[in-house]
Amino acid sequence: MTKYRILGAIFLVAVALQTLGCGSGSMSNSNRVLQSMTISPASADAQNFANGRVQFMATGTFNKAPSPQQVTFQPPYAGGWSLMANGGASLPATISPTGLAECVPGASGAVTVQALASANAAMGTGATGVAVRSTATLTCP
């Protein structure tokens, strides 16, 4: 937890310095912004994957090259992977910080896999928040 606080503080200081040190509007032209994101596979049945483990990957579309590109949820983009139960049921799976999903032994059902990326970017003389979300479906046998 402390590691993330330190990284967050460093990021905020960098954004503040970049914003305060910006003498022209040209800074807004140099920022690369995540516009949308897709998850692959979009739908997966865990029984069709080795050991029932499914590796999900988030690919982002950015306003500047390189685009599309994998979103790794590292600075400047925070966020990560999560699961949401469909219909209020208990979660039949778990997911790692790298997007590796695994069904819980004995559990079955479908679950929504979510990737959420967020960032605060200096844009000209102010700061702009960016948040992009995408979902996929995992079915546990």
N, C-alpha and C. Protein backbone atom coordinates (compact mmCIF):
# COMPACT_ATOMS: atom_id res chain seq x y z
N MET A 1 0.83 -1.19 0.00
CA MET A 1 0.00 0.00 0.00
C MET A 1 0.87 1.25 0.00
N THR A 2 1.96 1.22 0.78
CA THR A 2 2.85 2.37 0.85
C THR A 2 3.50 2.63 -0.50
N LYS A 3 3.84 1.57 -1.22
CA LYS A 3 4.45 1.69 -2.54
C LYS A 3 3.54 2.51 -3.46
N TYR A 4 2.24 2.24 -3.42
CA TYR A 4 1.29 2.94 -4.28
C TYR A 4 1.14 4.41 -3.85
N ARG A 5 1.21 4.67 -2.57
CA ARG A 5 1.13 6.05 -2.09
C ARG A 5 2.34 6.84 -2.57
N ILE A 6 3.52 6.22 -2.49
CA ILE A 6 4.73 6.89 -2.94
C ILE A 6 4.66 7.16 -4.44
N LEU A 7 4.25 6.14 -5.22
CA LEU A 7 4.13 6.31 -6.66
C LEU A 7 3.09 7.38 -7.00
N GLY A 8 2.00 7.38 -6.26
CA GLY A 8 0.96 8.39 -6.50
C GLY A 8 1.47 9.79 -6.19
N ALA A 9 2.23 9.93 -5.10
CA ALA A 9 2.78 11.23 -4.74
C ALA A 9 3.78 11.71 -5.78
N ILE A 10 4.63 10.80 -6.26
CA ILE A 10 5.60 11.16 -7.30
C ILE A 10 4.87 11.61 -8.55
N PHE A 11 3.81 10.90 -8.93
CA PHE A 11 3.05 11.25 -10.12
C PHE A 11 2.42 12.64 -9.96
N LEU A 12 1.82 12.90 -8.80
CA LEU A 12 1.19 14.20 -8.58
C LEU A 12 2.21 15.34 -8.61
N VAL A 13 3.39 15.11 -8.04
CA VAL A 13 4.44 16.13 -8.07
C VAL A 13 4.87 16.38 -9.51
N ALA A 14 5.04 15.29 -10.29
CA ALA A 14 5.44 15.44 -11.69
C ALA A 14 4.40 16.22 -12.48
N VAL A 15 3.12 15.92 -12.24
CA VAL A 15 2.04 16.64 -12.93
C VAL A 15 2.06 18.11 -12.54
N ALA A 16 2.23 18.38 -11.24
CA ALA A 16 2.25 19.77 -10.78
C ALA A 16 3.43 20.53 -11.39
N LEU A 17 4.61 19.92 -11.38
CA LEU A 17 5.77 20.58 -11.96
C LEU A 17 5.60 20.80 -13.46
N GLN A 18 5.04 19.81 -14.13
CA GLN A 18 4.84 19.94 -15.57
C GLN A 18 3.83 21.06 -15.86
N THR A 19 2.78 21.12 -15.08
CA THR A 19 1.76 22.14 -15.28
C THR A 19 2.30 23.54 -14.96
N LEU A 20 2.99 23.67 -13.83
CA LEU A 20 3.52 24.98 -13.45
C LEU A 20 4.64 25.44 -14.36
N GLY A 21 5.43 24.50 -14.86
CA GLY A 21 6.56 24.86 -15.70
C GLY A 21 6.19 25.06 -17.15
N CYS A 22 4.96 24.85 -17.48
CA CYS A 22 4.53 24.96 -18.87
C CYS A 22 4.28 26.42 -19.21
N GLY A 23 5.10 26.97 -20.11
CA GLY A 23 4.95 28.37 -20.46
C GLY A 23 4.10 28.59 -21.69
N SER A 24 3.69 27.51 -22.37
CA SER A 24 2.90 27.67 -23.58
C SER A 24 1.84 26.59 -23.66
N GLY A 25 0.94 26.75 -24.59
CA GLY A 25 -0.11 25.76 -24.80
C GLY A 25 0.35 24.55 -25.56
N SER A 26 1.61 24.49 -25.95
CA SER A 26 2.10 23.36 -26.74
C SER A 26 2.12 22.07 -25.95
N MET A 27 2.06 22.14 -24.62
CA MET A 27 2.09 20.94 -23.80
C MET A 27 0.91 20.04 -24.11
N SER A 28 -0.24 20.59 -24.40
CA SER A 28 -1.42 19.77 -24.66
C SER A 28 -1.26 18.94 -25.91
N ASN A 29 -0.39 19.36 -26.83
CA ASN A 29 -0.16 18.60 -28.04
C ASN A 29 0.75 17.41 -27.82
N SER A 30 1.50 17.38 -26.70
CA SER A 30 2.45 16.30 -26.47
C SER A 30 1.86 15.17 -25.63
N ASN A 31 0.70 15.36 -25.01
CA ASN A 31 0.11 14.33 -24.17
C ASN A 31 -0.57 13.25 -24.99
N ARG A 32 -0.31 12.03 -24.61
CA ARG A 32 -0.93 10.86 -25.25
C ARG A 32 -2.08 10.43 -24.35
N VAL A 33 -3.28 10.39 -24.88
CA VAL A 33 -4.47 10.14 -24.08
C VAL A 33 -5.13 8.83 -24.49
N LEU A 34 -5.47 8.01 -23.50
CA LEU A 34 -6.20 6.77 -23.73
C LEU A 34 -7.65 7.14 -24.04
N GLN A 35 -8.15 6.71 -25.21
CA GLN A 35 -9.50 7.07 -25.64
C GLN A 35 -10.50 5.95 -25.42
N SER A 36 -10.09 4.71 -25.65
CA SER A 36 -10.97 3.56 -25.44
C SER A 36 -10.11 2.34 -25.18
N MET A 37 -10.77 1.27 -24.76
CA MET A 37 -10.05 0.06 -24.41
C MET A 37 -10.93 -1.15 -24.72
N THR A 38 -10.33 -2.22 -25.18
CA THR A 38 -11.04 -3.49 -25.39
C THR A 38 -10.30 -4.58 -24.63
N ILE A 39 -11.05 -5.61 -24.27
CA ILE A 39 -10.47 -6.75 -23.57
C ILE A 39 -10.54 -7.95 -24.49
N SER A 40 -9.44 -8.72 -24.53
CA SER A 40 -9.48 -9.97 -25.26
C SER A 40 -9.02 -11.09 -24.33
N PRO A 41 -9.65 -12.25 -24.41
CA PRO A 41 -10.83 -12.50 -25.22
C PRO A 41 -12.05 -11.78 -24.66
N ALA A 42 -12.99 -11.44 -25.54
CA ALA A 42 -14.21 -10.74 -25.12
C ALA A 42 -15.13 -11.67 -24.34
N SER A 43 -15.06 -12.95 -24.64
CA SER A 43 -15.85 -13.96 -23.96
C SER A 43 -15.02 -15.23 -23.90
N ALA A 44 -14.97 -15.85 -22.73
CA ALA A 44 -14.15 -17.05 -22.58
C ALA A 44 -14.85 -18.08 -21.70
N ASP A 45 -14.77 -19.33 -22.11
CA ASP A 45 -15.24 -20.45 -21.30
C ASP A 45 -13.99 -21.11 -20.73
N ALA A 46 -13.83 -21.05 -19.42
CA ALA A 46 -12.59 -21.49 -18.78
C ALA A 46 -12.24 -22.95 -19.10
N GLN A 47 -13.23 -23.78 -19.36
CA GLN A 47 -12.93 -25.20 -19.64
C GLN A 47 -12.20 -25.36 -20.97
N ASN A 48 -12.18 -24.35 -21.81
CA ASN A 48 -11.46 -24.41 -23.09
C ASN A 48 -10.03 -23.90 -22.99
N PHE A 49 -9.56 -23.56 -21.79
CA PHE A 49 -8.22 -23.04 -21.58
C PHE A 49 -7.43 -23.97 -20.68
N ALA A 50 -6.13 -24.02 -20.88
CA ALA A 50 -5.25 -24.88 -20.09
C ALA A 50 -5.42 -24.60 -18.60
N ASN A 51 -5.65 -25.66 -17.83
CA ASN A 51 -5.83 -25.59 -16.39
C ASN A 51 -6.97 -24.66 -15.97
N GLY A 52 -7.87 -24.33 -16.90
CA GLY A 52 -9.00 -23.47 -16.59
C GLY A 52 -8.61 -22.02 -16.30
N ARG A 53 -7.40 -21.65 -16.70
CA ARG A 53 -6.92 -20.29 -16.47
C ARG A 53 -7.00 -19.50 -17.77
N VAL A 54 -7.56 -18.30 -17.69
CA VAL A 54 -7.73 -17.45 -18.87
C VAL A 54 -6.94 -16.16 -18.66
N GLN A 55 -6.03 -15.88 -19.59
CA GLN A 55 -5.26 -14.63 -19.53
C GLN A 55 -6.00 -13.57 -20.35
N PHE A 56 -6.51 -12.56 -19.66
CA PHE A 56 -7.16 -11.44 -20.33
C PHE A 56 -6.13 -10.35 -20.60
N MET A 57 -6.34 -9.60 -21.68
CA MET A 57 -5.44 -8.52 -22.04
C MET A 57 -6.26 -7.30 -22.43
N ALA A 58 -5.86 -6.14 -21.93
CA ALA A 58 -6.51 -4.88 -22.28
C ALA A 58 -5.68 -4.18 -23.34
N THR A 59 -6.34 -3.79 -24.43
CA THR A 59 -5.68 -3.05 -25.50
C THR A 59 -6.34 -1.70 -25.61
N GLY A 60 -5.52 -0.66 -25.56
CA GLY A 60 -6.04 0.69 -25.60
C GLY A 60 -5.85 1.35 -26.94
N THR A 61 -6.81 2.21 -27.28
CA THR A 61 -6.69 3.08 -28.45
C THR A 61 -6.35 4.46 -27.91
N PHE A 62 -5.25 5.00 -28.40
CA PHE A 62 -4.74 6.29 -27.92
C PHE A 62 -4.90 7.34 -29.01
N ASN A 63 -4.84 8.61 -28.62
CA ASN A 63 -4.97 9.68 -29.59
C ASN A 63 -3.69 9.87 -30.40
N LYS A 64 -2.59 9.25 -29.99
CA LYS A 64 -1.32 9.35 -30.70
C LYS A 64 -0.64 7.98 -30.72
N ALA A 65 0.25 7.79 -31.69
CA ALA A 65 0.99 6.54 -31.82
C ALA A 65 1.92 6.36 -30.62
N PRO A 66 2.21 5.14 -30.23
CA PRO A 66 1.71 3.92 -30.84
C PRO A 66 0.30 3.60 -30.37
N SER A 67 -0.54 3.25 -31.31
CA SER A 67 -1.93 2.92 -31.02
C SER A 67 -2.44 1.97 -32.08
N PRO A 68 -3.10 0.90 -31.72
CA PRO A 68 -3.43 0.44 -30.37
C PRO A 68 -2.19 -0.13 -29.68
N GLN A 69 -2.30 -0.21 -28.35
CA GLN A 69 -1.20 -0.72 -27.54
C GLN A 69 -1.77 -1.32 -26.27
N GLN A 70 -1.06 -2.33 -25.73
CA GLN A 70 -1.49 -2.97 -24.50
C GLN A 70 -1.48 -1.95 -23.36
N VAL A 71 -2.50 -2.02 -22.50
CA VAL A 71 -2.59 -1.18 -21.31
C VAL A 71 -2.13 -2.03 -20.14
N THR A 72 -1.07 -1.59 -19.46
CA THR A 72 -0.48 -2.40 -18.39
C THR A 72 -0.80 -1.88 -16.99
N PHE A 73 -1.59 -0.82 -16.89
CA PHE A 73 -2.01 -0.25 -15.61
C PHE A 73 -0.82 0.18 -14.77
N GLN A 74 0.17 0.74 -15.44
CA GLN A 74 1.32 1.34 -14.77
C GLN A 74 1.32 2.81 -15.14
N PRO A 75 2.01 3.64 -14.36
CA PRO A 75 1.99 5.07 -14.62
C PRO A 75 2.23 5.39 -16.09
N PRO A 76 1.47 6.30 -16.65
CA PRO A 76 0.56 7.22 -15.97
C PRO A 76 -0.84 6.66 -15.75
N TYR A 77 -1.09 5.40 -16.11
CA TYR A 77 -2.43 4.84 -15.94
C TYR A 77 -2.48 3.90 -14.74
N ALA A 78 -3.30 4.26 -13.77
CA ALA A 78 -3.56 3.42 -12.62
C ALA A 78 -4.80 2.59 -12.95
N GLY A 79 -5.12 1.67 -12.10
CA GLY A 79 -6.31 0.87 -12.30
C GLY A 79 -5.96 -0.60 -12.28
N GLY A 80 -6.75 -1.40 -12.95
CA GLY A 80 -6.48 -2.82 -12.98
C GLY A 80 -7.70 -3.63 -13.31
N TRP A 81 -7.63 -4.87 -12.87
CA TRP A 81 -8.65 -5.87 -13.19
C TRP A 81 -9.55 -6.13 -12.00
N SER A 82 -10.82 -6.42 -12.28
CA SER A 82 -11.76 -6.81 -11.23
C SER A 82 -12.82 -7.71 -11.83
N LEU A 83 -13.56 -8.37 -10.96
CA LEU A 83 -14.66 -9.25 -11.37
C LEU A 83 -15.95 -8.76 -10.74
N MET A 84 -17.04 -8.90 -11.48
CA MET A 84 -18.37 -8.56 -10.97
C MET A 84 -19.28 -9.75 -11.21
N ALA A 85 -19.97 -10.17 -10.15
CA ALA A 85 -20.88 -11.30 -10.27
C ALA A 85 -22.12 -10.88 -11.05
N ASN A 86 -22.58 -11.75 -11.92
CA ASN A 86 -23.81 -11.51 -12.66
C ASN A 86 -25.00 -11.94 -11.81
N GLY A 87 -25.96 -11.06 -11.66
CA GLY A 87 -27.17 -11.39 -10.91
C GLY A 87 -26.98 -11.45 -9.41
N GLY A 88 -25.93 -10.83 -8.88
CA GLY A 88 -25.74 -10.78 -7.44
C GLY A 88 -25.22 -12.07 -6.82
N ALA A 89 -24.84 -13.04 -7.62
CA ALA A 89 -24.32 -14.31 -7.10
C ALA A 89 -22.90 -14.11 -6.58
N SER A 90 -22.39 -15.13 -5.88
CA SER A 90 -21.01 -15.06 -5.43
C SER A 90 -20.08 -15.27 -6.63
N LEU A 91 -18.87 -14.78 -6.50
CA LEU A 91 -17.91 -14.86 -7.61
C LEU A 91 -17.39 -16.28 -7.78
N PRO A 92 -17.53 -16.85 -8.99
CA PRO A 92 -17.02 -18.20 -9.24
C PRO A 92 -15.56 -18.20 -9.69
N ALA A 93 -14.90 -17.05 -9.64
CA ALA A 93 -13.53 -16.96 -10.14
C ALA A 93 -12.75 -15.88 -9.39
N THR A 94 -11.45 -15.88 -9.60
CA THR A 94 -10.57 -14.83 -9.09
C THR A 94 -9.78 -14.28 -10.28
N ILE A 95 -9.22 -13.09 -10.11
CA ILE A 95 -8.39 -12.51 -11.17
C ILE A 95 -7.18 -11.83 -10.54
N SER A 96 -6.03 -12.00 -11.17
CA SER A 96 -4.79 -11.44 -10.65
C SER A 96 -4.61 -10.01 -11.16
N PRO A 97 -3.64 -9.28 -10.61
CA PRO A 97 -3.36 -7.92 -11.08
C PRO A 97 -2.90 -7.88 -12.55
N THR A 98 -2.47 -9.02 -13.10
CA THR A 98 -2.03 -9.06 -14.49
C THR A 98 -3.12 -9.54 -15.44
N GLY A 99 -4.34 -9.81 -14.92
CA GLY A 99 -5.46 -10.21 -15.77
C GLY A 99 -5.61 -11.71 -15.94
N LEU A 100 -4.95 -12.50 -15.11
CA LEU A 100 -5.08 -13.96 -15.19
C LEU A 100 -6.25 -14.40 -14.32
N ALA A 101 -7.30 -14.92 -14.97
CA ALA A 101 -8.51 -15.35 -14.26
C ALA A 101 -8.50 -16.86 -14.09
N GLU A 102 -9.03 -17.28 -12.93
CA GLU A 102 -9.08 -18.72 -12.63
C GLU A 102 -10.37 -19.02 -11.88
N CYS A 103 -11.06 -20.05 -12.33
CA CYS A 103 -12.31 -20.44 -11.68
C CYS A 103 -12.02 -21.06 -10.31
N VAL A 104 -12.91 -20.78 -9.36
CA VAL A 104 -12.81 -21.36 -8.03
C VAL A 104 -13.26 -22.82 -8.14
N PRO A 105 -12.49 -23.78 -7.59
CA PRO A 105 -12.89 -25.19 -7.67
C PRO A 105 -14.30 -25.40 -7.12
N GLY A 106 -15.11 -26.08 -7.89
CA GLY A 106 -16.47 -26.38 -7.49
C GLY A 106 -17.49 -25.29 -7.78
N ALA A 107 -17.03 -24.13 -8.18
CA ALA A 107 -17.95 -23.02 -8.47
C ALA A 107 -18.26 -23.00 -9.96
N SER A 108 -19.43 -22.51 -10.29
CA SER A 108 -19.79 -22.39 -11.71
C SER A 108 -20.62 -21.13 -11.91
N GLY A 109 -20.68 -20.71 -13.17
CA GLY A 109 -21.46 -19.53 -13.52
C GLY A 109 -20.65 -18.55 -14.32
N ALA A 110 -21.32 -17.49 -14.73
CA ALA A 110 -20.67 -16.46 -15.53
C ALA A 110 -20.32 -15.27 -14.64
N VAL A 111 -19.24 -14.60 -15.02
CA VAL A 111 -18.78 -13.43 -14.28
C VAL A 111 -18.32 -12.38 -15.30
N THR A 112 -18.51 -11.12 -14.96
CA THR A 112 -18.04 -10.04 -15.82
C THR A 112 -16.63 -9.66 -15.39
N VAL A 113 -15.73 -9.65 -16.36
CA VAL A 113 -14.34 -9.23 -16.14
C VAL A 113 -14.27 -7.77 -16.53
N GLN A 114 -13.69 -6.94 -15.67
CA GLN A 114 -13.62 -5.51 -15.95
C GLN A 114 -12.17 -5.02 -15.87
N ALA A 115 -11.81 -4.19 -16.84
CA ALA A 115 -10.53 -3.48 -16.80
C ALA A 115 -10.86 -2.00 -16.69
N LEU A 116 -10.22 -1.32 -15.75
CA LEU A 116 -10.44 0.10 -15.55
C LEU A 116 -9.09 0.79 -15.52
N ALA A 117 -8.91 1.77 -16.39
CA ALA A 117 -7.67 2.55 -16.42
C ALA A 117 -8.02 4.00 -16.16
N SER A 118 -7.28 4.65 -15.28
CA SER A 118 -7.53 6.05 -15.00
C SER A 118 -6.20 6.78 -14.85
N ALA A 119 -6.23 8.07 -15.16
CA ALA A 119 -5.03 8.90 -15.05
C ALA A 119 -5.41 10.35 -14.91
N ASN A 120 -4.53 11.12 -14.34
CA ASN A 120 -4.63 12.57 -14.33
C ASN A 120 -3.48 13.07 -15.18
N ALA A 121 -3.78 13.82 -16.20
CA ALA A 121 -2.75 14.29 -17.12
C ALA A 121 -2.76 15.80 -17.18
N ALA A 122 -1.56 16.38 -17.21
CA ALA A 122 -1.46 17.83 -17.35
C ALA A 122 -1.81 18.20 -18.78
N MET A 123 -2.73 19.11 -18.95
CA MET A 123 -3.16 19.53 -20.29
C MET A 123 -3.11 21.05 -20.33
N GLY A 124 -2.08 21.60 -20.91
CA GLY A 124 -1.97 23.07 -20.97
C GLY A 124 -1.73 23.63 -19.60
N THR A 125 -2.67 24.43 -19.09
CA THR A 125 -2.49 25.06 -17.79
C THR A 125 -3.31 24.38 -16.70
N GLY A 126 -4.00 23.30 -17.00
CA GLY A 126 -4.81 22.62 -16.00
C GLY A 126 -4.57 21.12 -16.03
N ALA A 127 -5.34 20.38 -15.27
CA ALA A 127 -5.22 18.93 -15.24
C ALA A 127 -6.54 18.32 -15.67
N THR A 128 -6.45 17.23 -16.38
CA THR A 128 -7.64 16.55 -16.87
C THR A 128 -7.62 15.11 -16.40
N GLY A 129 -8.74 14.60 -15.90
CA GLY A 129 -8.84 13.21 -15.49
C GLY A 129 -9.33 12.37 -16.66
N VAL A 130 -8.75 11.19 -16.78
CA VAL A 130 -9.13 10.25 -17.84
C VAL A 130 -9.50 8.93 -17.18
N ALA A 131 -10.65 8.37 -17.51
CA ALA A 131 -11.04 7.06 -17.01
C ALA A 131 -11.68 6.28 -18.15
N VAL A 132 -11.19 5.09 -18.38
CA VAL A 132 -11.71 4.24 -19.45
C VAL A 132 -11.96 2.86 -18.87
N ARG A 133 -13.13 2.29 -19.20
CA ARG A 133 -13.52 0.98 -18.68
C ARG A 133 -13.94 0.09 -19.83
N SER A 134 -13.66 -1.20 -19.69
CA SER A 134 -14.09 -2.18 -20.68
C SER A 134 -14.41 -3.48 -19.95
N THR A 135 -15.29 -4.29 -20.54
CA THR A 135 -15.69 -5.54 -19.90
C THR A 135 -15.63 -6.72 -20.87
N ALA A 136 -15.55 -7.90 -20.28
CA ALA A 136 -15.59 -9.16 -21.01
C ALA A 136 -16.35 -10.15 -20.12
N THR A 137 -16.57 -11.36 -20.61
CA THR A 137 -17.31 -12.36 -19.85
C THR A 137 -16.48 -13.63 -19.70
N LEU A 138 -16.48 -14.18 -18.50
CA LEU A 138 -15.81 -15.45 -18.20
C LEU A 138 -16.87 -16.42 -17.69
N THR A 139 -16.90 -17.61 -18.26
CA THR A 139 -17.82 -18.65 -17.81
C THR A 139 -17.02 -19.76 -17.15
N CYS A 140 -17.42 -20.09 -15.92
CA CYS A 140 -16.79 -21.19 -15.18
C CYS A 140 -17.71 -22.41 -15.29
N PRO A 141 -17.11 -23.56 -15.55
CA PRO A 141 -17.94 -24.78 -15.73
C PRO A 141 -18.70 -25.19 -14.48
